[in-house]
């Protein structure tokens, strides 16, 4: 099938140069990119569950505001 796509001149130039370095055609490069984009599964990556069990903050900090907790964690190192 013949079709027309519009891309920026800068991207087209980079794509042509890349195709030349790969000793392939712009058509092949676009087809390969489309195939890769269509098979990419956005659900492939998921964060592992890094939660921990525990009883929350230590007793001295359970009712503390964030400024107090930050001061205890960072002290005079900023933060």
PDB file of N, CA and C in Angstrom:
ATOM      1  N   UNK A   1       0.847  -1.166   0.000  1.00  0.00           N
ATOM      2  CA  UNK A   1       0.000   0.000   0.000  1.00  0.00           C
ATOM      3  C   UNK A   1       0.894   1.231   0.000  1.00  0.00           C
ATOM      4  N   UNK A   2       0.508   2.201  -0.755  1.00  0.00           N
ATOM      5  CA  UNK A   2       1.248   3.451  -0.791  1.00  0.00           C
ATOM      6  C   UNK A   2       0.508   4.457   0.063  1.00  0.00           C
ATOM      7  N   UNK A   3       1.261   5.161   0.907  1.00  0.00           N
ATOM      8  CA  UNK A   3       0.646   6.173   1.758  1.00  0.00           C
ATOM      9  C   UNK A   3       1.622   7.320   1.946  1.00  0.00           C
ATOM     10  N   UNK A   4       1.127   8.421   2.442  1.00  0.00           N
ATOM     11  CA  UNK A   4       1.958   9.593   2.684  1.00  0.00           C
ATOM     12  C   UNK A   4       1.898   9.937   4.164  1.00  0.00           C
ATOM     13  N   UNK A   5       3.060  10.207   4.733  1.00  0.00           N
ATOM     14  CA  UNK A   5       3.107  10.660   6.120  1.00  0.00           C
ATOM     15  C   UNK A   5       3.871  11.974   6.157  1.00  0.00           C
ATOM     16  N   UNK A   6       3.530  12.805   7.101  1.00  0.00           N
ATOM     17  CA  UNK A   6       4.241  14.071   7.278  1.00  0.00           C
ATOM     18  C   UNK A   6       5.019  14.016   8.580  1.00  0.00           C
ATOM     19  N   UNK A   7       6.323  14.221   8.463  1.00  0.00           N
ATOM     20  CA  UNK A   7       7.185  14.296   9.642  1.00  0.00           C
ATOM     21  C   UNK A   7       8.071  15.524   9.487  1.00  0.00           C
ATOM     22  N   UNK A   8       8.654  15.950  10.570  1.00  0.00           N
ATOM     23  CA  UNK A   8       9.492  17.149  10.506  1.00  0.00           C
ATOM     24  C   UNK A   8      10.704  16.902   9.612  1.00  0.00           C
ATOM     25  N   UNK A   9      11.190  17.995   9.014  1.00  0.00           N
ATOM     26  CA  UNK A   9      12.369  17.886   8.149  1.00  0.00           C
ATOM     27  C   UNK A   9      13.562  17.343   8.920  1.00  0.00           C
ATOM     28  N   UNK A  10      13.715  17.790  10.166  1.00  0.00           N
ATOM     29  CA  UNK A  10      14.843  17.334  10.985  1.00  0.00           C
ATOM     30  C   UNK A  10      14.786  15.823  11.211  1.00  0.00           C
ATOM     31  N   UNK A  11      13.603  15.313  11.578  1.00  0.00           N
ATOM     32  CA  UNK A  11      13.460  13.875  11.816  1.00  0.00           C
ATOM     33  C   UNK A  11      13.646  13.089  10.527  1.00  0.00           C
ATOM     34  N   UNK A  12      13.119  13.609   9.430  1.00  0.00           N
ATOM     35  CA  UNK A  12      13.275  12.924   8.145  1.00  0.00           C
ATOM     36  C   UNK A  12      14.750  12.819   7.765  1.00  0.00           C
ATOM     37  N   UNK A  13      15.484  13.903   7.985  1.00  0.00           N
ATOM     38  CA  UNK A  13      16.916  13.881   7.677  1.00  0.00           C
ATOM     39  C   UNK A  13      17.673  12.881   8.528  1.00  0.00           C
ATOM     40  N   UNK A  14      17.348  12.856   9.823  1.00  0.00           N
ATOM     41  CA  UNK A  14      18.003  11.895  10.719  1.00  0.00           C
ATOM     42  C   UNK A  14      17.635  10.466  10.334  1.00  0.00           C
ATOM     43  N   UNK A  15      16.383  10.259   9.961  1.00  0.00           N
ATOM     44  CA  UNK A  15      15.938   8.915   9.578  1.00  0.00           C
ATOM     45  C   UNK A  15      16.641   8.456   8.307  1.00  0.00           C
ATOM     46  N   UNK A  16      16.760   9.350   7.329  1.00  0.00           N
ATOM     47  CA  UNK A  16      17.455   8.980   6.083  1.00  0.00           C
ATOM     48  C   UNK A  16      18.926   8.642   6.359  1.00  0.00           C
ATOM     49  N   UNK A  17      19.556   9.448   7.199  1.00  0.00           N
ATOM     50  CA  UNK A  17      20.965   9.190   7.531  1.00  0.00           C
ATOM     51  C   UNK A  17      21.104   7.856   8.262  1.00  0.00           C
ATOM     52  N   UNK A  18      20.174   7.585   9.186  1.00  0.00           N
ATOM     53  CA  UNK A  18      20.209   6.316   9.919  1.00  0.00           C
ATOM     54  C   UNK A  18      20.011   5.147   8.961  1.00  0.00           C
ATOM     55  N   UNK A  19      19.069   5.276   8.054  1.00  0.00           N
ATOM     56  CA  UNK A  19      18.817   4.220   7.079  1.00  0.00           C
ATOM     57  C   UNK A  19      20.060   3.972   6.226  1.00  0.00           C
ATOM     58  N   UNK A  20      20.737   5.040   5.827  1.00  0.00           N
ATOM     59  CA  UNK A  20      21.951   4.889   5.024  1.00  0.00           C
ATOM     60  C   UNK A  20      23.045   4.171   5.807  1.00  0.00           C
ATOM     61  N   UNK A  21      23.204   4.538   7.084  1.00  0.00           N
ATOM     62  CA  UNK A  21      24.210   3.862   7.912  1.00  0.00           C
ATOM     63  C   UNK A  21      23.890   2.390   8.083  1.00  0.00           C
ATOM     64  N   UNK A  22      22.603   2.061   8.156  1.00  0.00           N
ATOM     65  CA  UNK A  22      22.164   0.675   8.328  1.00  0.00           C
ATOM     66  C   UNK A  22      22.078  -0.064   6.997  1.00  0.00           C
ATOM     67  N   UNK A  23      22.402   0.644   5.909  1.00  0.00           N
ATOM     68  CA  UNK A  23      22.324   0.070   4.566  1.00  0.00           C
ATOM     69  C   UNK A  23      20.922  -0.485   4.284  1.00  0.00           C
ATOM     70  N   UNK A  24      19.933   0.334   4.597  1.00  0.00           N
ATOM     71  CA  UNK A  24      18.545  -0.048   4.367  1.00  0.00           C
ATOM     72  C   UNK A  24      17.809   1.149   3.781  1.00  0.00           C
ATOM     73  N   UNK A  25      16.539   0.992   3.536  1.00  0.00           N
ATOM     74  CA  UNK A  25      15.742   2.077   2.981  1.00  0.00           C
ATOM     75  C   UNK A  25      14.939   2.759   4.082  1.00  0.00           C
ATOM     76  N   UNK A  26      14.506   3.974   3.789  1.00  0.00           N
ATOM     77  CA  UNK A  26      13.644   4.683   4.723  1.00  0.00           C
ATOM     78  C   UNK A  26      12.351   3.901   4.933  1.00  0.00           C
ATOM     79  N   UNK A  27      11.849   3.308   3.861  1.00  0.00           N
ATOM     80  CA  UNK A  27      10.632   2.495   3.959  1.00  0.00           C
ATOM     81  C   UNK A  27      10.819   1.353   4.966  1.00  0.00           C
ATOM     82  N   UNK A  28      11.922   0.632   4.848  1.00  0.00           N
ATOM     83  CA  UNK A  28      12.179  -0.485   5.767  1.00  0.00           C
ATOM     84  C   UNK A  28      12.314   0.002   7.208  1.00  0.00           C
ATOM     85  N   UNK A  29      12.968   1.144   7.368  1.00  0.00           N
ATOM     86  CA  UNK A  29      13.141   1.696   8.703  1.00  0.00           C
ATOM     87  C   UNK A  29      11.792   2.060   9.328  1.00  0.00           C
ATOM     88  N   UNK A  30      10.919   2.692   8.563  1.00  0.00           N
ATOM     89  CA  UNK A  30       9.594   3.059   9.060  1.00  0.00           C
ATOM     90  C   UNK A  30       8.780   1.808   9.365  1.00  0.00           C
ATOM     91  N   UNK A  31       8.822   0.818   8.475  1.00  0.00           N
ATOM     92  CA  UNK A  31       8.075  -0.429   8.714  1.00  0.00           C
ATOM     93  C   UNK A  31       8.557  -1.124   9.984  1.00  0.00           C
ATOM     94  N   UNK A  32       9.880  -1.167  10.171  1.00  0.00           N
ATOM     95  CA  UNK A  32      10.420  -1.803  11.376  1.00  0.00           C
ATOM     96  C   UNK A  32       9.978  -1.052  12.631  1.00  0.00           C
ATOM     97  N   UNK A  33      10.007   0.277  12.570  1.00  0.00           N
ATOM     98  CA  UNK A  33       9.572   1.077  13.713  1.00  0.00           C
ATOM     99  C   UNK A  33       8.098   0.858  14.026  1.00  0.00           C
ATOM    100  N   UNK A  34       7.270   0.781  13.003  1.00  0.00           N
ATOM    101  CA  UNK A  34       5.845   0.534  13.228  1.00  0.00           C
ATOM    102  C   UNK A  34       5.613  -0.849  13.827  1.00  0.00           C
ATOM    103  N   UNK A  35       6.331  -1.837  13.329  1.00  0.00           N
ATOM    104  CA  UNK A  35       6.175  -3.185  13.901  1.00  0.00           C
ATOM    105  C   UNK A  35       6.578  -3.223  15.369  1.00  0.00           C
ATOM    106  N   UNK A  36       7.681  -2.566  15.684  1.00  0.00           N
ATOM    107  CA  UNK A  36       8.127  -2.513  17.076  1.00  0.00           C
ATOM    108  C   UNK A  36       7.111  -1.784  17.956  1.00  0.00           C
ATOM    109  N   UNK A  37       6.563  -0.694  17.453  1.00  0.00           N
ATOM    110  CA  UNK A  37       5.591   0.077  18.234  1.00  0.00           C
ATOM    111  C   UNK A  37       4.323  -0.723  18.481  1.00  0.00           C
ATOM    112  N   UNK A  38       3.913  -1.514  17.512  1.00  0.00           N
ATOM    113  CA  UNK A  38       2.666  -2.272  17.663  1.00  0.00           C
ATOM    114  C   UNK A  38       2.827  -3.484  18.560  1.00  0.00           C
ATOM    115  N   UNK A  39       4.030  -4.018  18.646  1.00  0.00           N
ATOM    116  CA  UNK A  39       4.191  -5.199  19.502  1.00  0.00           C
ATOM    117  C   UNK A  39       4.581  -4.841  20.925  1.00  0.00           C
ATOM    118  N   UNK A  40       4.959  -3.589  21.141  1.00  0.00           N
ATOM    119  CA  UNK A  40       5.337  -3.161  22.490  1.00  0.00           C
ATOM    120  C   UNK A  40       4.128  -3.283  23.410  1.00  0.00           C
ATOM    121  N   UNK A  41       4.336  -3.930  24.529  1.00  0.00           N
ATOM    122  CA  UNK A  41       3.262  -4.126  25.499  1.00  0.00           C
ATOM    123  C   UNK A  41       3.456  -3.148  26.653  1.00  0.00           C
ATOM    124  N   UNK A  42       2.563  -2.170  26.790  1.00  0.00           N
ATOM    125  CA  UNK A  42       2.749  -1.200  27.868  1.00  0.00           C
ATOM    126  C   UNK A  42       2.644  -1.823  29.258  1.00  0.00           C
ATOM    127  N   UNK A  43       2.148  -3.037  29.363  1.00  0.00           N
ATOM    128  CA  UNK A  43       2.013  -3.695  30.653  1.00  0.00           C
ATOM    129  C   UNK A  43       3.236  -4.543  30.999  1.00  0.00           C
ATOM    130  N   UNK A  44       4.275  -4.532  30.152  1.00  0.00           N
ATOM    131  CA  UNK A  44       5.456  -5.350  30.412  1.00  0.00           C
ATOM    132  C   UNK A  44       6.162  -4.962  31.708  1.00  0.00           C
ATOM    133  N   UNK A  45       6.181  -3.682  32.013  1.00  0.00           N
ATOM    134  CA  UNK A  45       6.898  -3.224  33.196  1.00  0.00           C
ATOM    135  C   UNK A  45       5.926  -3.003  34.339  1.00  0.00           C
ATOM    136  N   UNK A  46       6.250  -3.558  35.473  1.00  0.00           N
ATOM    137  CA  UNK A  46       5.478  -3.252  36.671  1.00  0.00           C
ATOM    138  C   UNK A  46       6.435  -3.218  37.851  1.00  0.00           C
ATOM    139  N   UNK A  47       6.184  -2.298  38.726  1.00  0.00           N
ATOM    140  CA  UNK A  47       7.034  -2.178  39.906  1.00  0.00           C
ATOM    141  C   UNK A  47       6.768  -3.336  40.857  1.00  0.00           C
ATOM    142  N   UNK A  48       7.815  -3.913  41.400  1.00  0.00           N
ATOM    143  CA  UNK A  48       7.593  -4.957  42.394  1.00  0.00           C
ATOM    144  C   UNK A  48       7.027  -4.349  43.677  1.00  0.00           C
ATOM    145  N   UNK A  49       6.320  -5.144  44.411  1.00  0.00           N
ATOM    146  CA  UNK A  49       5.766  -4.685  45.680  1.00  0.00           C
ATOM    147  C   UNK A  49       6.909  -4.550  46.683  1.00  0.00           C
ATOM    148  N   UNK A  50       7.222  -3.326  47.047  1.00  0.00           N
ATOM    149  CA  UNK A  50       8.327  -3.080  47.965  1.00  0.00           C
ATOM    150  C   UNK A  50       7.817  -2.635  49.337  1.00  0.00           C
ATOM    151  N   UNK A  51       6.543  -2.853  49.561  1.00  0.00           N
ATOM    152  CA  UNK A  51       6.006  -2.439  50.854  1.00  0.00           C
ATOM    153  C   UNK A  51       6.539  -3.364  51.953  1.00  0.00           C
ATOM    154  N   UNK A  52       6.533  -2.860  53.140  1.00  0.00           N
ATOM    155  CA  UNK A  52       7.036  -3.633  54.274  1.00  0.00           C
ATOM    156  C   UNK A  52       5.940  -3.742  55.318  1.00  0.00           C
ATOM    157  N   UNK A  53       6.063  -4.756  56.108  1.00  0.00           N
ATOM    158  CA  UNK A  53       5.119  -4.870  57.212  1.00  0.00           C
ATOM    159  C   UNK A  53       5.740  -4.195  58.422  1.00  0.00           C
ATOM    160  N   UNK A  54       4.954  -3.704  59.261  1.00  0.00           N
ATOM    161  CA  UNK A  54       5.469  -3.023  60.438  1.00  0.00           C
ATOM    162  C   UNK A  54       4.355  -2.318  61.166  1.00  0.00           C
ATOM    163  N   UNK A  55       4.739  -1.554  62.139  1.00  0.00           N
ATOM    164  CA  UNK A  55       3.740  -0.853  62.942  1.00  0.00           C
ATOM    165  C   UNK A  55       3.811   0.654  62.745  1.00  0.00           C
ATOM    166  N   UNK A  56       4.313   1.091  61.614  1.00  0.00           N
ATOM    167  CA  UNK A  56       4.377   2.525  61.331  1.00  0.00           C
ATOM    168  C   UNK A  56       5.592   3.166  61.972  1.00  0.00           C
ATOM    169  N   UNK A  57       5.461   4.431  62.252  1.00  0.00           N
ATOM    170  CA  UNK A  57       6.571   5.185  62.832  1.00  0.00           C
ATOM    171  C   UNK A  57       6.846   4.750  64.266  1.00  0.00           C
ATOM    172  N   UNK A  58       8.077   4.975  64.686  1.00  0.00           N
ATOM    173  CA  UNK A  58       8.442   4.684  66.067  1.00  0.00           C
ATOM    174  C   UNK A  58       7.631   5.581  66.988  1.00  0.00           C
ATOM    175  N   UNK A  59       7.415   5.127  68.223  1.00  0.00           N
ATOM    176  CA  UNK A  59       6.550   5.871  69.144  1.00  0.00           C
ATOM    177  C   UNK A  59       6.879   7.355  69.265  1.00  0.00           C
ATOM    178  N   UNK A  60       8.124   7.740  69.283  1.00  0.00           N
ATOM    179  CA  UNK A  60       8.486   9.146  69.437  1.00  0.00           C
ATOM    180  C   UNK A  60       8.118  10.010  68.239  1.00  0.00           C
ATOM    181  N   UNK A  61       7.762   9.395  67.110  1.00  0.00           N
ATOM    182  CA  UNK A  61       7.477  10.154  65.895  1.00  0.00           C
ATOM    183  C   UNK A  61       6.062   9.943  65.370  1.00  0.00           C
ATOM    184  N   UNK A  62       5.259   9.167  66.039  1.00  0.00           N
ATOM    185  CA  UNK A  62       3.909   8.869  65.537  1.00  0.00           C
ATOM    186  C   UNK A  62       3.044  10.104  65.382  1.00  0.00           C
ATOM    187  N   UNK A  63       3.178  11.058  66.275  1.00  0.00           N
ATOM    188  CA  UNK A  63       2.361  12.266  66.212  1.00  0.00           C
ATOM    189  C   UNK A  63       3.167  13.484  65.758  1.00  0.00           C
ATOM    190  N   UNK A  64       4.384  13.254  65.284  1.00  0.00           N
ATOM    191  CA  UNK A  64       5.256  14.357  64.890  1.00  0.00           C
ATOM    192  C   UNK A  64       4.837  14.919  63.530  1.00  0.00           C
ATOM    193  N   UNK A  65       5.109  16.214  63.336  1.00  0.00           N
ATOM    194  CA  UNK A  65       4.855  16.796  62.020  1.00  0.00           C
ATOM    195  C   UNK A  65       6.049  16.503  61.116  1.00  0.00           C
ATOM    196  N   UNK A  66       5.878  16.798  59.832  1.00  0.00           N
ATOM    197  CA  UNK A  66       6.905  16.460  58.862  1.00  0.00           C
ATOM    198  C   UNK A  66       8.228  17.171  59.161  1.00  0.00           C
ATOM    199  N   UNK A  67       8.179  18.396  59.642  1.00  0.00           N
ATOM    200  CA  UNK A  67       9.409  19.144  59.939  1.00  0.00           C
ATOM    201  C   UNK A  67      10.251  18.395  60.971  1.00  0.00           C
ATOM    202  N   UNK A  68       9.626  17.846  61.985  1.00  0.00           N
ATOM    203  CA  UNK A  68      10.365  17.119  63.024  1.00  0.00           C
ATOM    204  C   UNK A  68      10.956  15.821  62.468  1.00  0.00           C
ATOM    205  N   UNK A  69      10.184  15.118  61.661  1.00  0.00           N
ATOM    206  CA  UNK A  69      10.675  13.862  61.065  1.00  0.00           C
ATOM    207  C   UNK A  69      11.839  14.158  60.124  1.00  0.00           C
ATOM    208  N   UNK A  70      11.709  15.209  59.298  1.00  0.00           N
ATOM    209  CA  UNK A  70      12.776  15.590  58.374  1.00  0.00           C
ATOM    210  C   UNK A  70      14.032  15.973  59.134  1.00  0.00           C
ATOM    211  N   UNK A  71      13.897  16.725  60.224  1.00  0.00           N
ATOM    212  CA  UNK A  71      15.049  17.131  61.029  1.00  0.00           C
ATOM    213  C   UNK A  71      15.751  15.903  61.608  1.00  0.00           C
ATOM    214  N   UNK A  72      14.988  14.914  62.061  1.00  0.00           N
ATOM    215  CA  UNK A  72      15.582  13.704  62.618  1.00  0.00           C
ATOM    216  C   UNK A  72      16.306  12.900  61.536  1.00  0.00           C
ATOM    217  N   UNK A  73      15.759  12.922  60.332  1.00  0.00           N
ATOM    218  CA  UNK A  73      16.364  12.142  59.249  1.00  0.00           C
ATOM    219  C   UNK A  73      17.600  12.819  58.663  1.00  0.00           C
ATOM    220  N   UNK A  74      17.531  14.154  58.490  1.00  0.00           N
ATOM    221  CA  UNK A  74      18.601  14.843  57.789  1.00  0.00           C
ATOM    222  C   UNK A  74      19.502  15.663  58.693  1.00  0.00           C
ATOM    223  N   UNK A  75      19.031  16.041  59.847  1.00  0.00           N
ATOM    224  CA  UNK A  75      19.844  16.834  60.757  1.00  0.00           C
ATOM    225  C   UNK A  75      20.323  18.113  60.103  1.00  0.00           C
ATOM    226  N   UNK A  76      21.615  18.359  60.161  1.00  0.00           N
ATOM    227  CA  UNK A  76      22.160  19.599  59.586  1.00  0.00           C
ATOM    228  C   UNK A  76      22.632  19.416  58.145  1.00  0.00           C
ATOM    229  N   UNK A  77      22.253  18.304  57.491  1.00  0.00           N
ATOM    230  CA  UNK A  77      22.662  18.061  56.111  1.00  0.00           C
ATOM    231  C   UNK A  77      21.716  18.684  55.102  1.00  0.00           C
ATOM    232  N   UNK A  78      20.764  19.477  55.537  1.00  0.00           N
ATOM    233  CA  UNK A  78      19.779  20.059  54.619  1.00  0.00           C
ATOM    234  C   UNK A  78      18.611  19.124  54.469  1.00  0.00           C
ATOM    235  N   UNK A  79      17.858  19.298  53.438  1.00  0.00           N
ATOM    236  CA  UNK A  79      16.746  18.388  53.220  1.00  0.00           C
ATOM    237  C   UNK A  79      15.521  19.116  53.288  1.00  0.00           C
TER     238      UNK A  79
END
